[in-house]
């Protein structure tokens, strides 16, 4: 299981818009599809919660890239890592972004 509420989002450089980009990315990555009334495609697919760890990692990574490309195009995903709590089996994502100036 992935704990998307505990996602750690980092920007790999100090950019003028870094706080805004990080905040936007965190909102995208901690929201599930269907939660935003006027854009039901906004957010992550909820199916990632019920997948085995290897599949959840892969799908979460793909979702990060896809959703950030769509909803926060200034950011590019450089790396997605996970910290695994071996006792509970919970994955805690860490997403590293780079800034794409317009």
N, C-alpha and C. Protein backbone atom coordinates (compact mmCIF):
# COMPACT_ATOMS: atom_id res chain seq x y z
N UNK A 1 0.84 -1.18 0.00
CA UNK A 1 0.00 0.00 0.00
C UNK A 1 0.89 1.24 0.00
N UNK A 2 0.48 2.23 -0.77
CA UNK A 2 1.20 3.50 -0.83
C UNK A 2 0.48 4.52 0.02
N UNK A 3 1.23 5.23 0.85
CA UNK A 3 0.67 6.32 1.64
C UNK A 3 0.89 7.61 0.85
N UNK A 4 -0.09 7.96 0.01
CA UNK A 4 0.11 9.14 -0.84
C UNK A 4 0.04 10.44 -0.06
N UNK A 5 -0.54 10.40 1.13
CA UNK A 5 -0.61 11.63 1.93
C UNK A 5 0.75 12.01 2.50
N UNK A 6 1.67 11.07 2.52
CA UNK A 6 3.01 11.33 3.06
C UNK A 6 4.05 11.52 1.96
N UNK A 7 3.63 11.82 0.75
CA UNK A 7 4.58 12.00 -0.35
C UNK A 7 5.51 13.17 -0.04
N UNK A 8 6.78 12.97 -0.32
CA UNK A 8 7.80 14.00 -0.13
C UNK A 8 8.17 14.50 -1.52
N UNK A 9 7.91 15.77 -1.80
CA UNK A 9 8.19 16.35 -3.11
C UNK A 9 9.35 17.33 -2.96
N UNK A 10 10.39 17.15 -3.79
CA UNK A 10 11.57 18.01 -3.76
C UNK A 10 11.84 18.54 -5.16
N UNK A 11 12.39 19.74 -5.22
CA UNK A 11 12.82 20.32 -6.48
C UNK A 11 14.34 20.32 -6.47
N UNK A 12 14.96 19.83 -7.54
CA UNK A 12 16.41 19.63 -7.53
C UNK A 12 17.22 20.91 -7.72
N UNK A 13 16.56 22.05 -7.79
CA UNK A 13 17.27 23.32 -7.89
C UNK A 13 16.44 24.41 -7.22
N UNK A 14 17.06 25.51 -6.94
CA UNK A 14 16.34 26.64 -6.35
C UNK A 14 15.84 27.52 -7.49
N UNK A 15 14.57 27.40 -7.79
CA UNK A 15 13.98 28.16 -8.90
C UNK A 15 13.08 29.26 -8.34
N UNK A 16 12.85 30.30 -9.14
CA UNK A 16 11.99 31.39 -8.66
C UNK A 16 10.60 30.91 -8.25
N UNK A 17 10.10 29.90 -8.90
CA UNK A 17 8.75 29.40 -8.63
C UNK A 17 8.76 28.12 -7.81
N UNK A 18 9.85 27.79 -7.12
CA UNK A 18 9.96 26.48 -6.49
C UNK A 18 8.88 26.18 -5.46
N UNK A 19 8.53 27.12 -4.61
CA UNK A 19 7.50 26.84 -3.60
C UNK A 19 6.16 26.56 -4.26
N UNK A 20 5.83 27.33 -5.28
CA UNK A 20 4.57 27.12 -5.99
C UNK A 20 4.54 25.78 -6.71
N UNK A 21 5.63 25.43 -7.36
CA UNK A 21 5.70 24.16 -8.09
C UNK A 21 5.60 22.99 -7.12
N UNK A 22 6.32 23.05 -6.03
CA UNK A 22 6.26 21.97 -5.03
C UNK A 22 4.85 21.85 -4.46
N UNK A 23 4.25 22.98 -4.12
CA UNK A 23 2.88 22.96 -3.58
C UNK A 23 1.90 22.36 -4.59
N UNK A 24 1.98 22.80 -5.85
CA UNK A 24 1.09 22.27 -6.88
C UNK A 24 1.29 20.77 -7.08
N UNK A 25 2.55 20.36 -7.14
CA UNK A 25 2.85 18.94 -7.33
C UNK A 25 2.32 18.11 -6.17
N UNK A 26 2.49 18.61 -4.96
CA UNK A 26 2.01 17.87 -3.79
C UNK A 26 0.49 17.73 -3.82
N UNK A 27 -0.22 18.77 -4.24
CA UNK A 27 -1.68 18.68 -4.34
C UNK A 27 -2.06 17.62 -5.38
N UNK A 28 -1.40 17.63 -6.52
CA UNK A 28 -1.70 16.66 -7.57
C UNK A 28 -1.44 15.24 -7.08
N UNK A 29 -0.31 15.04 -6.40
CA UNK A 29 0.10 13.70 -6.00
C UNK A 29 -0.58 13.18 -4.74
N UNK A 30 -1.34 14.04 -4.05
CA UNK A 30 -2.05 13.58 -2.86
C UNK A 30 -3.56 13.61 -3.04
N UNK A 31 -4.01 13.82 -4.26
CA UNK A 31 -5.44 13.84 -4.58
C UNK A 31 -5.74 12.62 -5.44
N UNK A 32 -6.89 12.02 -5.21
CA UNK A 32 -7.32 10.90 -6.06
C UNK A 32 -8.26 11.40 -7.15
N UNK A 33 -8.19 10.73 -8.30
CA UNK A 33 -9.12 11.03 -9.38
C UNK A 33 -10.55 10.96 -8.83
N UNK A 34 -11.38 11.90 -9.27
CA UNK A 34 -12.76 11.93 -8.86
C UNK A 34 -13.04 12.84 -7.68
N UNK A 35 -12.01 13.32 -7.00
CA UNK A 35 -12.21 14.17 -5.83
C UNK A 35 -12.44 15.64 -6.19
N UNK A 36 -12.02 16.04 -7.38
CA UNK A 36 -12.20 17.43 -7.81
C UNK A 36 -13.42 17.48 -8.73
N UNK A 37 -14.49 18.14 -8.29
CA UNK A 37 -15.76 18.08 -9.02
C UNK A 37 -15.70 18.50 -10.49
N UNK A 38 -14.95 19.53 -10.83
CA UNK A 38 -14.97 20.03 -12.20
C UNK A 38 -13.88 19.45 -13.09
N UNK A 39 -13.03 18.61 -12.51
CA UNK A 39 -12.02 17.92 -13.31
C UNK A 39 -11.78 16.56 -12.68
N UNK A 40 -12.62 15.61 -13.05
CA UNK A 40 -12.57 14.27 -12.45
C UNK A 40 -11.28 13.52 -12.77
N UNK A 41 -10.52 13.97 -13.76
CA UNK A 41 -9.26 13.29 -14.10
C UNK A 41 -8.08 13.81 -13.28
N UNK A 42 -8.30 14.88 -12.50
CA UNK A 42 -7.24 15.46 -11.68
C UNK A 42 -6.89 14.49 -10.55
N UNK A 43 -5.61 14.23 -10.39
CA UNK A 43 -5.16 13.39 -9.28
C UNK A 43 -4.74 11.99 -9.72
N UNK A 44 -4.39 11.20 -8.72
CA UNK A 44 -3.86 9.86 -8.93
C UNK A 44 -4.99 8.83 -8.98
N UNK A 45 -4.78 7.75 -9.70
CA UNK A 45 -5.81 6.71 -9.76
C UNK A 45 -5.81 5.94 -8.43
N UNK A 46 -6.97 5.68 -7.88
CA UNK A 46 -7.03 5.03 -6.57
C UNK A 46 -6.63 3.56 -6.59
N UNK A 47 -6.58 2.94 -7.76
CA UNK A 47 -6.22 1.52 -7.86
C UNK A 47 -4.83 1.22 -7.32
N UNK A 48 -3.96 2.23 -7.26
CA UNK A 48 -2.60 1.99 -6.77
C UNK A 48 -2.58 1.56 -5.31
N UNK A 49 -3.64 1.83 -4.58
CA UNK A 49 -3.67 1.48 -3.16
C UNK A 49 -3.76 -0.03 -2.93
N UNK A 50 -4.38 -0.76 -3.85
CA UNK A 50 -4.65 -2.17 -3.63
C UNK A 50 -3.69 -3.11 -4.34
N UNK A 51 -2.69 -2.56 -5.00
CA UNK A 51 -1.77 -3.40 -5.76
C UNK A 51 -0.64 -3.93 -4.88
N UNK A 52 -0.05 -5.07 -5.27
CA UNK A 52 1.16 -5.54 -4.59
C UNK A 52 2.27 -4.50 -4.76
N UNK A 53 3.24 -4.51 -3.86
CA UNK A 53 4.28 -3.47 -3.82
C UNK A 53 4.97 -3.25 -5.16
N UNK A 54 5.45 -4.28 -5.86
CA UNK A 54 6.15 -4.02 -7.13
C UNK A 54 5.28 -3.30 -8.16
N UNK A 55 4.02 -3.75 -8.30
CA UNK A 55 3.13 -3.10 -9.26
C UNK A 55 2.75 -1.69 -8.81
N UNK A 56 2.56 -1.51 -7.51
CA UNK A 56 2.20 -0.18 -6.98
C UNK A 56 3.32 0.82 -7.26
N UNK A 57 4.56 0.41 -7.08
CA UNK A 57 5.71 1.29 -7.37
C UNK A 57 5.71 1.72 -8.82
N UNK A 58 5.56 0.74 -9.71
CA UNK A 58 5.60 1.04 -11.14
C UNK A 58 4.46 1.96 -11.56
N UNK A 59 3.24 1.63 -11.14
CA UNK A 59 2.09 2.43 -11.53
C UNK A 59 2.14 3.82 -10.91
N UNK A 60 2.59 3.92 -9.66
CA UNK A 60 2.70 5.24 -9.02
C UNK A 60 3.70 6.12 -9.79
N UNK A 61 4.81 5.55 -10.20
CA UNK A 61 5.82 6.29 -10.95
C UNK A 61 5.25 6.79 -12.28
N UNK A 62 4.55 5.91 -12.99
CA UNK A 62 3.93 6.30 -14.26
C UNK A 62 2.89 7.39 -14.04
N UNK A 63 2.08 7.24 -12.99
CA UNK A 63 1.06 8.24 -12.67
C UNK A 63 1.70 9.59 -12.34
N UNK A 64 2.79 9.59 -11.59
CA UNK A 64 3.48 10.84 -11.26
C UNK A 64 3.90 11.57 -12.53
N UNK A 65 4.53 10.85 -13.42
CA UNK A 65 5.01 11.45 -14.66
C UNK A 65 3.85 11.96 -15.49
N UNK A 66 2.82 11.15 -15.66
CA UNK A 66 1.68 11.50 -16.49
C UNK A 66 0.90 12.69 -15.93
N UNK A 67 0.58 12.63 -14.64
CA UNK A 67 -0.25 13.68 -14.04
C UNK A 67 0.50 15.00 -13.90
N UNK A 68 1.77 14.95 -13.56
CA UNK A 68 2.52 16.20 -13.47
C UNK A 68 2.74 16.82 -14.84
N UNK A 69 2.94 16.00 -15.83
CA UNK A 69 3.09 16.52 -17.20
C UNK A 69 1.82 17.24 -17.63
N UNK A 70 0.67 16.71 -17.22
CA UNK A 70 -0.61 17.30 -17.61
C UNK A 70 -0.98 18.53 -16.77
N UNK A 71 -0.82 18.44 -15.44
CA UNK A 71 -1.34 19.48 -14.56
C UNK A 71 -0.29 20.46 -14.03
N UNK A 72 0.98 20.12 -14.11
CA UNK A 72 2.06 21.05 -13.70
C UNK A 72 3.21 20.88 -14.68
N UNK A 73 3.03 21.38 -15.92
CA UNK A 73 4.02 21.14 -16.97
C UNK A 73 5.37 21.82 -16.74
N UNK A 74 5.47 22.73 -15.78
CA UNK A 74 6.76 23.34 -15.48
C UNK A 74 7.70 22.36 -14.78
N UNK A 75 7.15 21.32 -14.20
CA UNK A 75 7.96 20.35 -13.45
C UNK A 75 8.14 19.08 -14.27
N UNK A 76 9.33 18.52 -14.18
CA UNK A 76 9.63 17.24 -14.80
C UNK A 76 10.10 16.28 -13.73
N UNK A 77 9.55 15.08 -13.73
CA UNK A 77 9.94 14.08 -12.74
C UNK A 77 11.33 13.56 -13.08
N UNK A 78 12.25 13.71 -12.15
CA UNK A 78 13.61 13.20 -12.32
C UNK A 78 13.78 11.82 -11.70
N UNK A 79 13.08 11.61 -10.57
CA UNK A 79 13.26 10.37 -9.84
C UNK A 79 12.08 10.15 -8.90
N UNK A 80 11.67 8.91 -8.77
CA UNK A 80 10.67 8.53 -7.78
C UNK A 80 11.26 7.37 -6.98
N UNK A 81 11.43 7.59 -5.69
CA UNK A 81 11.93 6.56 -4.79
C UNK A 81 10.89 6.28 -3.73
N UNK A 82 11.05 5.17 -3.06
CA UNK A 82 10.11 4.79 -2.01
C UNK A 82 10.88 4.33 -0.79
N UNK A 83 10.39 4.73 0.37
CA UNK A 83 10.85 4.18 1.64
C UNK A 83 9.78 3.17 2.03
N UNK A 84 10.19 1.95 2.34
CA UNK A 84 9.25 0.90 2.69
C UNK A 84 9.34 0.62 4.18
N UNK A 85 8.20 0.65 4.84
CA UNK A 85 8.12 0.24 6.23
C UNK A 85 7.92 -1.27 6.22
N UNK A 86 8.95 -2.03 6.55
CA UNK A 86 8.89 -3.49 6.47
C UNK A 86 7.85 -4.09 7.41
N UNK A 87 7.58 -3.44 8.52
CA UNK A 87 6.60 -3.97 9.47
C UNK A 87 5.17 -3.87 8.95
N UNK A 88 4.86 -2.76 8.28
CA UNK A 88 3.49 -2.55 7.82
C UNK A 88 3.32 -2.78 6.32
N UNK A 89 4.42 -2.76 5.56
CA UNK A 89 4.35 -2.90 4.11
C UNK A 89 3.90 -1.63 3.40
N UNK A 90 3.95 -0.51 4.10
CA UNK A 90 3.51 0.76 3.51
C UNK A 90 4.68 1.42 2.78
N UNK A 91 4.41 1.93 1.58
CA UNK A 91 5.39 2.65 0.78
C UNK A 91 5.19 4.15 0.98
N UNK A 92 6.29 4.85 1.21
CA UNK A 92 6.27 6.31 1.35
C UNK A 92 7.04 6.89 0.17
N UNK A 93 6.34 7.56 -0.76
CA UNK A 93 7.00 8.06 -1.97
C UNK A 93 7.83 9.32 -1.73
N UNK A 94 8.92 9.41 -2.49
CA UNK A 94 9.75 10.62 -2.55
C UNK A 94 9.91 10.94 -4.03
N UNK A 95 9.42 12.11 -4.44
CA UNK A 95 9.43 12.50 -5.85
C UNK A 95 10.36 13.70 -6.01
N UNK A 96 11.36 13.54 -6.87
CA UNK A 96 12.31 14.62 -7.15
C UNK A 96 11.97 15.19 -8.52
N UNK A 97 11.80 16.52 -8.55
CA UNK A 97 11.41 17.22 -9.77
C UNK A 97 12.52 18.16 -10.22
N UNK A 98 12.50 18.48 -11.48
CA UNK A 98 13.32 19.59 -11.97
C UNK A 98 12.38 20.62 -12.57
N UNK A 99 12.86 21.83 -12.67
CA UNK A 99 12.06 22.97 -13.11
C UNK A 99 12.27 23.22 -14.59
N UNK A 100 11.17 23.32 -15.31
CA UNK A 100 11.22 23.65 -16.74
C UNK A 100 10.74 25.09 -16.90
N UNK A 101 11.63 26.00 -17.21
CA UNK A 101 11.21 27.39 -17.41
C UNK A 101 10.42 27.50 -18.70
N UNK A 102 9.50 28.44 -18.72
CA UNK A 102 8.61 28.60 -19.87
C UNK A 102 9.25 29.36 -20.98
